[in-house]
């Protein structure tokens, strides 16, 4: 399974977020909420690049830099502009906020959604 760009991936991943990808914090009214770490990990899985973070009023927010461009596929969760710090992060730090089981669930959901499309 490949995606032509992070934008292409975004259209799949936004339909793949679920209670399995963020247990105890899933918000059906805003499925993107709290999905940033697991989404950054999944994006890094498909496209490589680096994981970055920024501080928001809700806590640490994760996103990606791929080929020199920043991609925040979980920005939809916010109701105001994000004050990006562009602080380097890591896979390990993102995993402090998303378990391997959550990443596996998101990757499985992405595969299912991609196949349905």
PDB file of N, CA and C in Angstrom:
ATOM      1  N   UNK A   1       0.853  -1.166   0.000  1.00  0.00           N
ATOM      2  CA  UNK A   1       0.000   0.000   0.000  1.00  0.00           C
ATOM      3  C   UNK A   1       0.902   1.233   0.000  1.00  0.00           C
ATOM      4  N   UNK A   2       0.677   2.089  -0.964  1.00  0.00           N
ATOM      5  CA  UNK A   2       1.439   3.326  -1.056  1.00  0.00           C
ATOM      6  C   UNK A   2       0.486   4.492  -1.273  1.00  0.00           C
ATOM      7  N   UNK A   3       0.982   5.668  -0.939  1.00  0.00           N
ATOM      8  CA  UNK A   3       0.228   6.900  -1.116  1.00  0.00           C
ATOM      9  C   UNK A   3       1.099   7.861  -1.900  1.00  0.00           C
ATOM     10  N   UNK A   4       0.494   8.633  -2.772  1.00  0.00           N
ATOM     11  CA  UNK A   4       1.260   9.535  -3.627  1.00  0.00           C
ATOM     12  C   UNK A   4       1.818  10.735  -2.870  1.00  0.00           C
ATOM     13  N   UNK A   5       1.164  11.104  -1.775  1.00  0.00           N
ATOM     14  CA  UNK A   5       1.614  12.260  -0.994  1.00  0.00           C
ATOM     15  C   UNK A   5       0.975  12.199   0.386  1.00  0.00           C
ATOM     16  N   UNK A   6       1.507  12.986   1.334  1.00  0.00           N
ATOM     17  CA  UNK A   6       0.824  13.061   2.627  1.00  0.00           C
ATOM     18  C   UNK A   6      -0.614  13.571   2.506  1.00  0.00           C
ATOM     19  N   UNK A   7      -0.882  14.430   1.547  1.00  0.00           N
ATOM     20  CA  UNK A   7      -2.261  14.899   1.350  1.00  0.00           C
ATOM     21  C   UNK A   7      -3.167  13.740   0.943  1.00  0.00           C
ATOM     22  N   UNK A   8      -2.670  12.863   0.082  1.00  0.00           N
ATOM     23  CA  UNK A   8      -3.409  11.668  -0.326  1.00  0.00           C
ATOM     24  C   UNK A   8      -3.657  10.768   0.893  1.00  0.00           C
ATOM     25  N   UNK A   9      -2.630  10.598   1.714  1.00  0.00           N
ATOM     26  CA  UNK A   9      -2.748   9.795   2.929  1.00  0.00           C
ATOM     27  C   UNK A   9      -3.771  10.403   3.892  1.00  0.00           C
ATOM     28  N   UNK A  10      -3.785  11.718   4.010  1.00  0.00           N
ATOM     29  CA  UNK A  10      -4.725  12.407   4.907  1.00  0.00           C
ATOM     30  C   UNK A  10      -6.172  11.998   4.633  1.00  0.00           C
ATOM     31  N   UNK A  11      -6.546  11.898   3.365  1.00  0.00           N
ATOM     32  CA  UNK A  11      -7.927  11.558   3.019  1.00  0.00           C
ATOM     33  C   UNK A  11      -8.305  10.149   3.451  1.00  0.00           C
ATOM     34  N   UNK A  12      -7.315   9.294   3.643  1.00  0.00           N
ATOM     35  CA  UNK A  12      -7.564   7.942   4.154  1.00  0.00           C
ATOM     36  C   UNK A  12      -7.520   7.937   5.676  1.00  0.00           C
ATOM     37  N   UNK A  13      -6.465   8.523   6.254  1.00  0.00           N
ATOM     38  CA  UNK A  13      -6.276   8.436   7.707  1.00  0.00           C
ATOM     39  C   UNK A  13      -7.414   9.105   8.470  1.00  0.00           C
ATOM     40  N   UNK A  14      -7.975  10.163   7.931  1.00  0.00           N
ATOM     41  CA  UNK A  14      -9.063  10.836   8.653  1.00  0.00           C
ATOM     42  C   UNK A  14     -10.296   9.933   8.766  1.00  0.00           C
ATOM     43  N   UNK A  15     -10.408   8.942   7.882  1.00  0.00           N
ATOM     44  CA  UNK A  15     -11.510   7.980   7.970  1.00  0.00           C
ATOM     45  C   UNK A  15     -11.110   6.738   8.763  1.00  0.00           C
ATOM     46  N   UNK A  16      -9.842   6.682   9.201  1.00  0.00           N
ATOM     47  CA  UNK A  16      -9.329   5.514   9.918  1.00  0.00           C
ATOM     48  C   UNK A  16      -9.235   5.731  11.429  1.00  0.00           C
ATOM     49  N   UNK A  17      -9.391   6.979  11.887  1.00  0.00           N
ATOM     50  CA  UNK A  17      -9.338   7.220  13.327  1.00  0.00           C
ATOM     51  C   UNK A  17     -10.530   6.555  14.000  1.00  0.00           C
ATOM     52  N   UNK A  18     -10.286   5.977  15.168  1.00  0.00           N
ATOM     53  CA  UNK A  18     -11.346   5.256  15.873  1.00  0.00           C
ATOM     54  C   UNK A  18     -11.012   5.177  17.360  1.00  0.00           C
ATOM     55  N   UNK A  19     -11.907   4.583  18.114  1.00  0.00           N
ATOM     56  CA  UNK A  19     -11.665   4.374  19.542  1.00  0.00           C
ATOM     57  C   UNK A  19     -10.467   3.448  19.763  1.00  0.00           C
ATOM     58  N   UNK A  20     -10.164   2.597  18.794  1.00  0.00           N
ATOM     59  CA  UNK A  20      -9.001   1.699  18.925  1.00  0.00           C
ATOM     60  C   UNK A  20      -7.683   2.450  18.732  1.00  0.00           C
ATOM     61  N   UNK A  21      -7.730   3.561  18.029  1.00  0.00           N
ATOM     62  CA  UNK A  21      -6.497   4.300  17.764  1.00  0.00           C
ATOM     63  C   UNK A  21      -6.190   5.321  18.857  1.00  0.00           C
ATOM     64  N   UNK A  22      -7.157   5.614  19.709  1.00  0.00           N
ATOM     65  CA  UNK A  22      -6.944   6.474  20.868  1.00  0.00           C
ATOM     66  C   UNK A  22      -7.925   6.074  21.974  1.00  0.00           C
ATOM     67  N   UNK A  23      -7.679   4.911  22.596  1.00  0.00           N
ATOM     68  CA  UNK A  23      -8.584   4.436  23.652  1.00  0.00           C
ATOM     69  C   UNK A  23      -8.729   5.465  24.779  1.00  0.00           C
ATOM     70  N   UNK A  24      -9.887   5.500  25.371  1.00  0.00           N
ATOM     71  CA  UNK A  24     -10.206   6.355  26.517  1.00  0.00           C
ATOM     72  C   UNK A  24     -10.227   7.846  26.191  1.00  0.00           C
ATOM     73  N   UNK A  25      -9.958   8.223  24.953  1.00  0.00           N
ATOM     74  CA  UNK A  25      -9.973   9.652  24.624  1.00  0.00           C
ATOM     75  C   UNK A  25     -10.633   9.914  23.271  1.00  0.00           C
ATOM     76  N   UNK A  26     -11.263   8.906  22.685  1.00  0.00           N
ATOM     77  CA  UNK A  26     -11.881   9.099  21.378  1.00  0.00           C
ATOM     78  C   UNK A  26     -13.111   9.986  21.515  1.00  0.00           C
ATOM     79  N   UNK A  27     -13.233  10.929  20.627  1.00  0.00           N
ATOM     80  CA  UNK A  27     -14.345  11.875  20.616  1.00  0.00           C
ATOM     81  C   UNK A  27     -15.062  11.727  19.272  1.00  0.00           C
ATOM     82  N   UNK A  28     -16.203  11.064  19.269  1.00  0.00           N
ATOM     83  CA  UNK A  28     -16.909  10.829  18.003  1.00  0.00           C
ATOM     84  C   UNK A  28     -17.353  12.138  17.345  1.00  0.00           C
ATOM     85  N   UNK A  29     -17.520  13.201  18.126  1.00  0.00           N
ATOM     86  CA  UNK A  29     -17.883  14.496  17.555  1.00  0.00           C
ATOM     87  C   UNK A  29     -16.683  15.169  16.888  1.00  0.00           C
ATOM     88  N   UNK A  30     -15.478  14.777  17.281  1.00  0.00           N
ATOM     89  CA  UNK A  30     -14.242  15.314  16.705  1.00  0.00           C
ATOM     90  C   UNK A  30     -13.238  14.163  16.638  1.00  0.00           C
ATOM     91  N   UNK A  31     -13.367  13.244  15.672  1.00  0.00           N
ATOM     92  CA  UNK A  31     -12.526  12.048  15.617  1.00  0.00           C
ATOM     93  C   UNK A  31     -11.028  12.338  15.559  1.00  0.00           C
ATOM     94  N   UNK A  32     -10.644  13.512  15.104  1.00  0.00           N
ATOM     95  CA  UNK A  32      -9.238  13.876  15.007  1.00  0.00           C
ATOM     96  C   UNK A  32      -8.619  14.169  16.373  1.00  0.00           C
ATOM     97  N   UNK A  33      -9.444  14.545  17.344  1.00  0.00           N
ATOM     98  CA  UNK A  33      -8.941  14.941  18.669  1.00  0.00           C
ATOM     99  C   UNK A  33      -8.089  13.832  19.279  1.00  0.00           C
ATOM    100  N   UNK A  34      -6.941  14.217  19.766  1.00  0.00           N
ATOM    101  CA  UNK A  34      -5.984  13.333  20.452  1.00  0.00           C
ATOM    102  C   UNK A  34      -5.333  12.297  19.536  1.00  0.00           C
ATOM    103  N   UNK A  35      -5.469  12.431  18.243  1.00  0.00           N
ATOM    104  CA  UNK A  35      -4.911  11.456  17.302  1.00  0.00           C
ATOM    105  C   UNK A  35      -3.539  11.886  16.757  1.00  0.00           C
ATOM    106  N   UNK A  36      -2.978  12.987  17.229  1.00  0.00           N
ATOM    107  CA  UNK A  36      -1.773  13.531  16.593  1.00  0.00           C
ATOM    108  C   UNK A  36      -0.571  12.608  16.688  1.00  0.00           C
ATOM    109  N   UNK A  37      -0.289  12.024  17.855  1.00  0.00           N
ATOM    110  CA  UNK A  37       0.909  11.192  17.995  1.00  0.00           C
ATOM    111  C   UNK A  37       0.811   9.945  17.120  1.00  0.00           C
ATOM    112  N   UNK A  38      -0.313   9.251  17.181  1.00  0.00           N
ATOM    113  CA  UNK A  38      -0.458   8.036  16.383  1.00  0.00           C
ATOM    114  C   UNK A  38      -0.478   8.371  14.889  1.00  0.00           C
ATOM    115  N   UNK A  39      -1.030   9.522  14.528  1.00  0.00           N
ATOM    116  CA  UNK A  39      -1.051   9.932  13.122  1.00  0.00           C
ATOM    117  C   UNK A  39       0.347  10.307  12.648  1.00  0.00           C
ATOM    118  N   UNK A  40       1.112  10.994  13.480  1.00  0.00           N
ATOM    119  CA  UNK A  40       2.496  11.330  13.117  1.00  0.00           C
ATOM    120  C   UNK A  40       3.322  10.061  12.938  1.00  0.00           C
ATOM    121  N   UNK A  41       3.104   9.072  13.787  1.00  0.00           N
ATOM    122  CA  UNK A  41       3.824   7.799  13.662  1.00  0.00           C
ATOM    123  C   UNK A  41       3.430   7.074  12.371  1.00  0.00           C
ATOM    124  N   UNK A  42       2.144   7.053  12.054  1.00  0.00           N
ATOM    125  CA  UNK A  42       1.692   6.398  10.826  1.00  0.00           C
ATOM    126  C   UNK A  42       2.216   7.132   9.596  1.00  0.00           C
ATOM    127  N   UNK A  43       2.208   8.449   9.648  1.00  0.00           N
ATOM    128  CA  UNK A  43       2.721   9.240   8.527  1.00  0.00           C
ATOM    129  C   UNK A  43       4.202   8.962   8.328  1.00  0.00           C
ATOM    130  N   UNK A  44       4.947   8.896   9.419  1.00  0.00           N
ATOM    131  CA  UNK A  44       6.379   8.587   9.344  1.00  0.00           C
ATOM    132  C   UNK A  44       6.589   7.171   8.798  1.00  0.00           C
ATOM    133  N   UNK A  45       5.718   6.253   9.141  1.00  0.00           N
ATOM    134  CA  UNK A  45       5.789   4.878   8.643  1.00  0.00           C
ATOM    135  C   UNK A  45       5.725   4.847   7.115  1.00  0.00           C
ATOM    136  N   UNK A  46       4.834   5.628   6.541  1.00  0.00           N
ATOM    137  CA  UNK A  46       4.651   5.612   5.090  1.00  0.00           C
ATOM    138  C   UNK A  46       5.611   6.528   4.328  1.00  0.00           C
ATOM    139  N   UNK A  47       6.025   7.626   4.935  1.00  0.00           N
ATOM    140  CA  UNK A  47       6.781   8.635   4.185  1.00  0.00           C
ATOM    141  C   UNK A  47       8.174   8.917   4.731  1.00  0.00           C
ATOM    142  N   UNK A  48       8.527   8.330   5.877  1.00  0.00           N
ATOM    143  CA  UNK A  48       9.815   8.657   6.475  1.00  0.00           C
ATOM    144  C   UNK A  48       9.779  10.070   7.013  1.00  0.00           C
ATOM    145  N   UNK A  49      10.904  10.737   6.939  1.00  0.00           N
ATOM    146  CA  UNK A  49      10.969  12.103   7.444  1.00  0.00           C
ATOM    147  C   UNK A  49      11.153  12.138   8.944  1.00  0.00           C
ATOM    148  N   UNK A  50      10.799  13.277   9.523  1.00  0.00           N
ATOM    149  CA  UNK A  50      11.013  13.515  10.952  1.00  0.00           C
ATOM    150  C   UNK A  50       9.701  13.863  11.635  1.00  0.00           C
ATOM    151  N   UNK A  51       9.650  13.580  12.925  1.00  0.00           N
ATOM    152  CA  UNK A  51       8.501  13.950  13.741  1.00  0.00           C
ATOM    153  C   UNK A  51       8.867  15.213  14.507  1.00  0.00           C
ATOM    154  N   UNK A  52       7.943  16.155  14.515  1.00  0.00           N
ATOM    155  CA  UNK A  52       8.115  17.414  15.230  1.00  0.00           C
ATOM    156  C   UNK A  52       6.978  17.564  16.234  1.00  0.00           C
ATOM    157  N   UNK A  53       7.147  18.529  17.135  1.00  0.00           N
ATOM    158  CA  UNK A  53       6.120  18.782  18.143  1.00  0.00           C
ATOM    159  C   UNK A  53       6.013  20.278  18.384  1.00  0.00           C
ATOM    160  N   UNK A  54       4.888  20.651  18.970  1.00  0.00           N
ATOM    161  CA  UNK A  54       4.661  22.021  19.400  1.00  0.00           C
ATOM    162  C   UNK A  54       3.782  21.983  20.638  1.00  0.00           C
ATOM    163  N   UNK A  55       3.866  23.002  21.437  1.00  0.00           N
ATOM    164  CA  UNK A  55       3.017  23.115  22.619  1.00  0.00           C
ATOM    165  C   UNK A  55       1.710  23.793  22.228  1.00  0.00           C
ATOM    166  N   UNK A  56       0.612  23.234  22.695  1.00  0.00           N
ATOM    167  CA  UNK A  56      -0.705  23.843  22.492  1.00  0.00           C
ATOM    168  C   UNK A  56      -1.378  23.936  23.853  1.00  0.00           C
ATOM    169  N   UNK A  57      -2.514  24.597  23.905  1.00  0.00           N
ATOM    170  CA  UNK A  57      -3.209  24.700  25.198  1.00  0.00           C
ATOM    171  C   UNK A  57      -3.660  23.328  25.700  1.00  0.00           C
ATOM    172  N   UNK A  58      -3.768  22.356  24.795  1.00  0.00           N
ATOM    173  CA  UNK A  58      -4.169  21.010  25.182  1.00  0.00           C
ATOM    174  C   UNK A  58      -3.006  20.081  25.491  1.00  0.00           C
ATOM    175  N   UNK A  59      -1.777  20.542  25.304  1.00  0.00           N
ATOM    176  CA  UNK A  59      -0.605  19.707  25.556  1.00  0.00           C
ATOM    177  C   UNK A  59       0.294  19.650  24.336  1.00  0.00           C
ATOM    178  N   UNK A  60       1.099  18.621  24.276  1.00  0.00           N
ATOM    179  CA  UNK A  60       2.037  18.458  23.168  1.00  0.00           C
ATOM    180  C   UNK A  60       1.307  17.970  21.928  1.00  0.00           C
ATOM    181  N   UNK A  61       1.611  18.578  20.808  1.00  0.00           N
ATOM    182  CA  UNK A  61       1.003  18.200  19.524  1.00  0.00           C
ATOM    183  C   UNK A  61       2.113  17.769  18.572  1.00  0.00           C
ATOM    184  N   UNK A  62       1.920  16.619  17.914  1.00  0.00           N
ATOM    185  CA  UNK A  62       2.920  16.037  17.019  1.00  0.00           C
ATOM    186  C   UNK A  62       2.502  16.162  15.561  1.00  0.00           C
ATOM    187  N   UNK A  63       3.487  16.296  14.688  1.00  0.00           N
ATOM    188  CA  UNK A  63       3.263  16.379  13.247  1.00  0.00           C
ATOM    189  C   UNK A  63       4.574  16.012  12.553  1.00  0.00           C
ATOM    190  N   UNK A  64       4.640  16.126  11.256  1.00  0.00           N
ATOM    191  CA  UNK A  64       5.776  15.606  10.492  1.00  0.00           C
ATOM    192  C   UNK A  64       6.436  16.657   9.615  1.00  0.00           C
ATOM    193  N   UNK A  65       7.705  16.381   9.310  1.00  0.00           N
ATOM    194  CA  UNK A  65       8.426  17.108   8.256  1.00  0.00           C
ATOM    195  C   UNK A  65       8.917  16.055   7.271  1.00  0.00           C
ATOM    196  N   UNK A  66       8.493  16.175   6.042  1.00  0.00           N
ATOM    197  CA  UNK A  66       8.835  15.215   4.993  1.00  0.00           C
ATOM    198  C   UNK A  66       9.442  15.996   3.837  1.00  0.00           C
ATOM    199  N   UNK A  67      10.640  15.635   3.468  1.00  0.00           N
ATOM    200  CA  UNK A  67      11.337  16.318   2.378  1.00  0.00           C
ATOM    201  C   UNK A  67      11.331  17.837   2.559  1.00  0.00           C
ATOM    202  N   UNK A  68      11.563  18.278   3.800  1.00  0.00           N
ATOM    203  CA  UNK A  68      11.679  19.699   4.092  1.00  0.00           C
ATOM    204  C   UNK A  68      10.372  20.444   4.278  1.00  0.00           C
ATOM    205  N   UNK A  69       9.230  19.766   4.103  1.00  0.00           N
ATOM    206  CA  UNK A  69       7.916  20.417   4.252  1.00  0.00           C
ATOM    207  C   UNK A  69       7.210  19.872   5.485  1.00  0.00           C
ATOM    208  N   UNK A  70       6.540  20.755   6.208  1.00  0.00           N
ATOM    209  CA  UNK A  70       5.785  20.342   7.389  1.00  0.00           C
ATOM    210  C   UNK A  70       4.381  19.906   6.988  1.00  0.00           C
ATOM    211  N   UNK A  71       3.950  18.789   7.594  1.00  0.00           N
ATOM    212  CA  UNK A  71       2.615  18.234   7.351  1.00  0.00           C
ATOM    213  C   UNK A  71       1.971  17.946   8.704  1.00  0.00           C
ATOM    214  N   UNK A  72       0.845  18.556   8.970  1.00  0.00           N
ATOM    215  CA  UNK A  72       0.099  18.298  10.203  1.00  0.00           C
ATOM    216  C   UNK A  72      -1.246  17.706   9.815  1.00  0.00           C
ATOM    217  N   UNK A  73      -1.303  16.386   9.795  1.00  0.00           N
ATOM    218  CA  UNK A  73      -2.511  15.705   9.349  1.00  0.00           C
ATOM    219  C   UNK A  73      -3.579  15.625  10.431  1.00  0.00           C
ATOM    220  N   UNK A  74      -3.246  16.053  11.656  1.00  0.00           N
ATOM    221  CA  UNK A  74      -4.216  16.028  12.752  1.00  0.00           C
ATOM    222  C   UNK A  74      -4.566  17.442  13.232  1.00  0.00           C
ATOM    223  N   UNK A  75      -4.375  18.433  12.400  1.00  0.00           N
ATOM    224  CA  UNK A  75      -4.668  19.823  12.780  1.00  0.00           C
ATOM    225  C   UNK A  75      -6.161  20.089  12.917  1.00  0.00           C
ATOM    226  N   UNK A  76      -6.990  19.267  12.295  1.00  0.00           N
ATOM    227  CA  UNK A  76      -8.441  19.494  12.304  1.00  0.00           C
ATOM    228  C   UNK A  76      -9.042  19.456  13.708  1.00  0.00           C
ATOM    229  N   UNK A  77      -8.329  18.905  14.669  1.00  0.00           N
ATOM    230  CA  UNK A  77      -8.868  18.793  16.016  1.00  0.00           C
ATOM    231  C   UNK A  77      -8.977  20.147  16.734  1.00  0.00           C
ATOM    232  N   UNK A  78      -8.252  21.135  16.250  1.00  0.00           N
ATOM    233  CA  UNK A  78      -8.198  22.420  16.931  1.00  0.00           C
ATOM    234  C   UNK A  78      -9.221  23.407  16.382  1.00  0.00           C
ATOM    235  N   UNK A  79      -9.727  24.252  17.276  1.00  0.00           N
ATOM    236  CA  UNK A  79     -10.689  25.263  16.864  1.00  0.00           C
ATOM    237  C   UNK A  79     -10.059  26.656  16.797  1.00  0.00           C
ATOM    238  N   UNK A  80      -8.729  26.686  16.849  1.00  0.00           N
ATOM    239  CA  UNK A  80      -8.001  27.939  16.709  1.00  0.00           C
ATOM    240  C   UNK A  80      -6.639  27.650  16.079  1.00  0.00           C
ATOM    241  N   UNK A  81      -5.962  28.671  15.576  1.00  0.00           N
ATOM    242  CA  UNK A  81      -4.653  28.436  14.945  1.00  0.00           C
ATOM    243  C   UNK A  81      -3.649  27.815  15.921  1.00  0.00           C
ATOM    244  N   UNK A  82      -2.770  27.016  15.381  1.00  0.00           N
ATOM    245  CA  UNK A  82      -1.752  26.325  16.169  1.00  0.00           C
ATOM    246  C   UNK A  82      -0.470  27.161  16.166  1.00  0.00           C
ATOM    247  N   UNK A  83       0.093  27.443  17.332  1.00  0.00           N
ATOM    248  CA  UNK A  83       1.356  28.184  17.396  1.00  0.00           C
ATOM    249  C   UNK A  83       2.543  27.233  17.237  1.00  0.00           C
ATOM    250  N   UNK A  84       2.897  26.900  16.018  1.00  0.00           N
ATOM    251  CA  UNK A  84       3.931  25.898  15.772  1.00  0.00           C
ATOM    252  C   UNK A  84       5.296  26.348  16.278  1.00  0.00           C
ATOM    253  N   UNK A  85       5.912  25.499  17.110  1.00  0.00           N
ATOM    254  CA  UNK A  85       7.275  25.708  17.599  1.00  0.00           C
ATOM    255  C   UNK A  85       8.286  25.040  16.678  1.00  0.00           C
ATOM    256  N   UNK A  86       7.819  24.021  15.933  1.00  0.00           N
ATOM    257  CA  UNK A  86       8.694  23.216  15.078  1.00  0.00           C
ATOM    258  C   UNK A  86       9.884  22.671  15.851  1.00  0.00           C
ATOM    259  N   UNK A  87       9.602  22.147  17.048  1.00  0.00           N
ATOM    260  CA  UNK A  87      10.643  21.533  17.872  1.00  0.00           C
ATOM    261  C   UNK A  87      10.841  20.086  17.438  1.00  0.00           C
ATOM    262  N   UNK A  88      12.074  19.683  17.173  1.00  0.00           N
ATOM    263  CA  UNK A  88      12.312  18.290  16.797  1.00  0.00           C
ATOM    264  C   UNK A  88      11.832  17.333  17.894  1.00  0.00           C
ATOM    265  N   UNK A  89      11.244  16.246  17.482  1.00  0.00           N
ATOM    266  CA  UNK A  89      10.803  15.200  18.389  1.00  0.00           C
ATOM    267  C   UNK A  89      11.390  13.887  17.888  1.00  0.00           C
ATOM    268  N   UNK A  90      10.752  12.785  18.221  1.00  0.00           N
ATOM    269  CA  UNK A  90      11.266  11.482  17.812  1.00  0.00           C
ATOM    270  C   UNK A  90      10.143  10.447  17.817  1.00  0.00           C
ATOM    271  N   UNK A  91      10.429   9.329  17.204  1.00  0.00           N
ATOM    272  CA  UNK A  91       9.487   8.212  17.247  1.00  0.00           C
ATOM    273  C   UNK A  91       9.252   7.797  18.696  1.00  0.00           C
ATOM    274  N   UNK A  92      10.330   7.739  19.464  1.00  0.00           N
ATOM    275  CA  UNK A  92      10.206   7.344  20.869  1.00  0.00           C
ATOM    276  C   UNK A  92       9.313   8.273  21.658  1.00  0.00           C
ATOM    277  N   UNK A  93       9.472   9.585  21.474  1.00  0.00           N
ATOM    278  CA  UNK A  93       8.640  10.541  22.203  1.00  0.00           C
ATOM    279  C   UNK A  93       7.183  10.442  21.758  1.00  0.00           C
ATOM    280  N   UNK A  94       6.954  10.274  20.470  1.00  0.00           N
ATOM    281  CA  UNK A  94       5.576  10.113  19.995  1.00  0.00           C
ATOM    282  C   UNK A  94       4.958   8.844  20.584  1.00  0.00           C
ATOM    283  N   UNK A  95       5.779   7.790  20.748  1.00  0.00           N
ATOM    284  CA  UNK A  95       5.262   6.551  21.348  1.00  0.00           C
ATOM    285  C   UNK A  95       4.941   6.714  22.829  1.00  0.00           C
ATOM    286  N   UNK A  96       5.421   7.771  23.465  1.00  0.00           N
ATOM    287  CA  UNK A  96       5.014   8.043  24.845  1.00  0.00           C
ATOM    288  C   UNK A  96       3.550   8.479  24.898  1.00  0.00           C
ATOM    289  N   UNK A  97       3.014   8.884  23.763  1.00  0.00           N
ATOM    290  CA  UNK A  97       1.639   9.358  23.669  1.00  0.00           C
ATOM    291  C   UNK A  97       0.752   8.433  22.831  1.00  0.00           C
ATOM    292  N   UNK A  98       1.351   7.448  22.183  1.00  0.00           N
ATOM    293  CA  UNK A  98       0.609   6.477  21.362  1.00  0.00           C
ATOM    294  C   UNK A  98       1.345   5.149  21.430  1.00  0.00           C
ATOM    295  N   UNK A  99       0.661   4.129  21.868  1.00  0.00           N
ATOM    296  CA  UNK A  99       1.287   2.819  22.044  1.00  0.00           C
ATOM    297  C   UNK A  99       1.475   2.104  20.705  1.00  0.00           C
ATOM    298  N   UNK A 100       2.342   1.095  20.691  1.00  0.00           N
ATOM    299  CA  UNK A 100       2.455   0.283  19.475  1.00  0.00           C
ATOM    300  C   UNK A 100       1.114  -0.340  19.064  1.00  0.00           C
ATOM    301  N   UNK A 101       0.283  -0.700  20.031  1.00  0.00           N
ATOM    302  CA  UNK A 101      -1.035  -1.270  19.709  1.00  0.00           C
ATOM    303  C   UNK A 101      -1.928  -0.234  19.022  1.00  0.00           C
ATOM    304  N   UNK A 102      -1.859   1.015  19.446  1.00  0.00           N
ATOM    305  CA  UNK A 102      -2.639   2.069  18.801  1.00  0.00           C
ATOM    306  C   UNK A 102      -2.159   2.285  17.366  1.00  0.00           C
ATOM    307  N   UNK A 103      -0.840   2.280  17.176  1.00  0.00           N
ATOM    308  CA  UNK A 103      -0.295   2.432  15.824  1.00  0.00           C
ATOM    309  C   UNK A 103      -0.711   1.258  14.950  1.00  0.00           C
ATOM    310  N   UNK A 104      -0.637   0.051  15.478  1.00  0.00           N
ATOM    311  CA  UNK A 104      -1.055  -1.124  14.709  1.00  0.00           C
ATOM    312  C   UNK A 104      -2.531  -1.029  14.332  1.00  0.00           C
ATOM    313  N   UNK A 105      -3.356  -0.545  15.254  1.00  0.00           N
ATOM    314  CA  UNK A 105      -4.790  -0.385  14.963  1.00  0.00           C
ATOM    315  C   UNK A 105      -5.001   0.649  13.862  1.00  0.00           C
ATOM    316  N   UNK A 106      -4.270   1.760  13.931  1.00  0.00           N
ATOM    317  CA  UNK A 106      -4.439   2.779  12.900  1.00  0.00           C
ATOM    318  C   UNK A 106      -3.966   2.264  11.544  1.00  0.00           C
ATOM    319  N   UNK A 107      -2.836   1.575  11.510  1.00  0.00           N
ATOM    320  CA  UNK A 107      -2.340   1.034  10.242  1.00  0.00           C
ATOM    321  C   UNK A 107      -3.320   0.010   9.669  1.00  0.00           C
ATOM    322  N   UNK A 108      -3.922  -0.802  10.518  1.00  0.00           N
ATOM    323  CA  UNK A 108      -4.921  -1.769  10.049  1.00  0.00           C
ATOM    324  C   UNK A 108      -6.163  -1.044   9.525  1.00  0.00           C
ATOM    325  N   UNK A 109      -6.590   0.000  10.207  1.00  0.00           N
ATOM    326  CA  UNK A 109      -7.743   0.768   9.746  1.00  0.00           C
ATOM    327  C   UNK A 109      -7.431   1.468   8.415  1.00  0.00           C
ATOM    328  N   UNK A 110      -6.227   1.997   8.298  1.00  0.00           N
ATOM    329  CA  UNK A 110      -5.816   2.640   7.042  1.00  0.00           C
ATOM    330  C   UNK A 110      -5.872   1.640   5.904  1.00  0.00           C
ATOM    331  N   UNK A 111      -5.369   0.434   6.133  1.00  0.00           N
ATOM    332  CA  UNK A 111      -5.397  -0.604   5.098  1.00  0.00           C
ATOM    333  C   UNK A 111      -6.825  -0.929   4.697  1.00  0.00           C
ATOM    334  N   UNK A 112      -7.707  -1.025   5.684  1.00  0.00           N
ATOM    335  CA  UNK A 112      -9.112  -1.334   5.399  1.00  0.00           C
ATOM    336  C   UNK A 112      -9.769  -0.201   4.601  1.00  0.00           C
ATOM    337  N   UNK A 113      -9.588   1.027   5.044  1.00  0.00           N
ATOM    338  CA  UNK A 113     -10.187   2.183   4.350  1.00  0.00           C
ATOM    339  C   UNK A 113      -9.622   2.306   2.952  1.00  0.00           C
ATOM    340  N   UNK A 114      -8.317   2.107   2.807  1.00  0.00           N
ATOM    341  CA  UNK A 114      -7.665   2.207   1.504  1.00  0.00           C
ATOM    342  C   UNK A 114      -8.225   1.153   0.557  1.00  0.00           C
ATOM    343  N   UNK A 115      -8.453  -0.041   1.059  1.00  0.00           N
ATOM    344  CA  UNK A 115      -8.979  -1.130   0.239  1.00  0.00           C
ATOM    345  C   UNK A 115     -10.414  -0.851  -0.184  1.00  0.00           C
ATOM    346  N   UNK A 116     -11.193  -0.218   0.691  1.00  0.00           N
ATOM    347  CA  UNK A 116     -12.588   0.101   0.381  1.00  0.00           C
ATOM    348  C   UNK A 116     -12.717   1.185  -0.685  1.00  0.00           C
ATOM    349  N   UNK A 117     -11.691   2.019  -0.781  1.00  0.00           N
ATOM    350  CA  UNK A 117     -11.759   3.161  -1.715  1.00  0.00           C
ATOM    351  C   UNK A 117     -11.636   2.747  -3.166  1.00  0.00           C
TER     352      UNK A 117
END
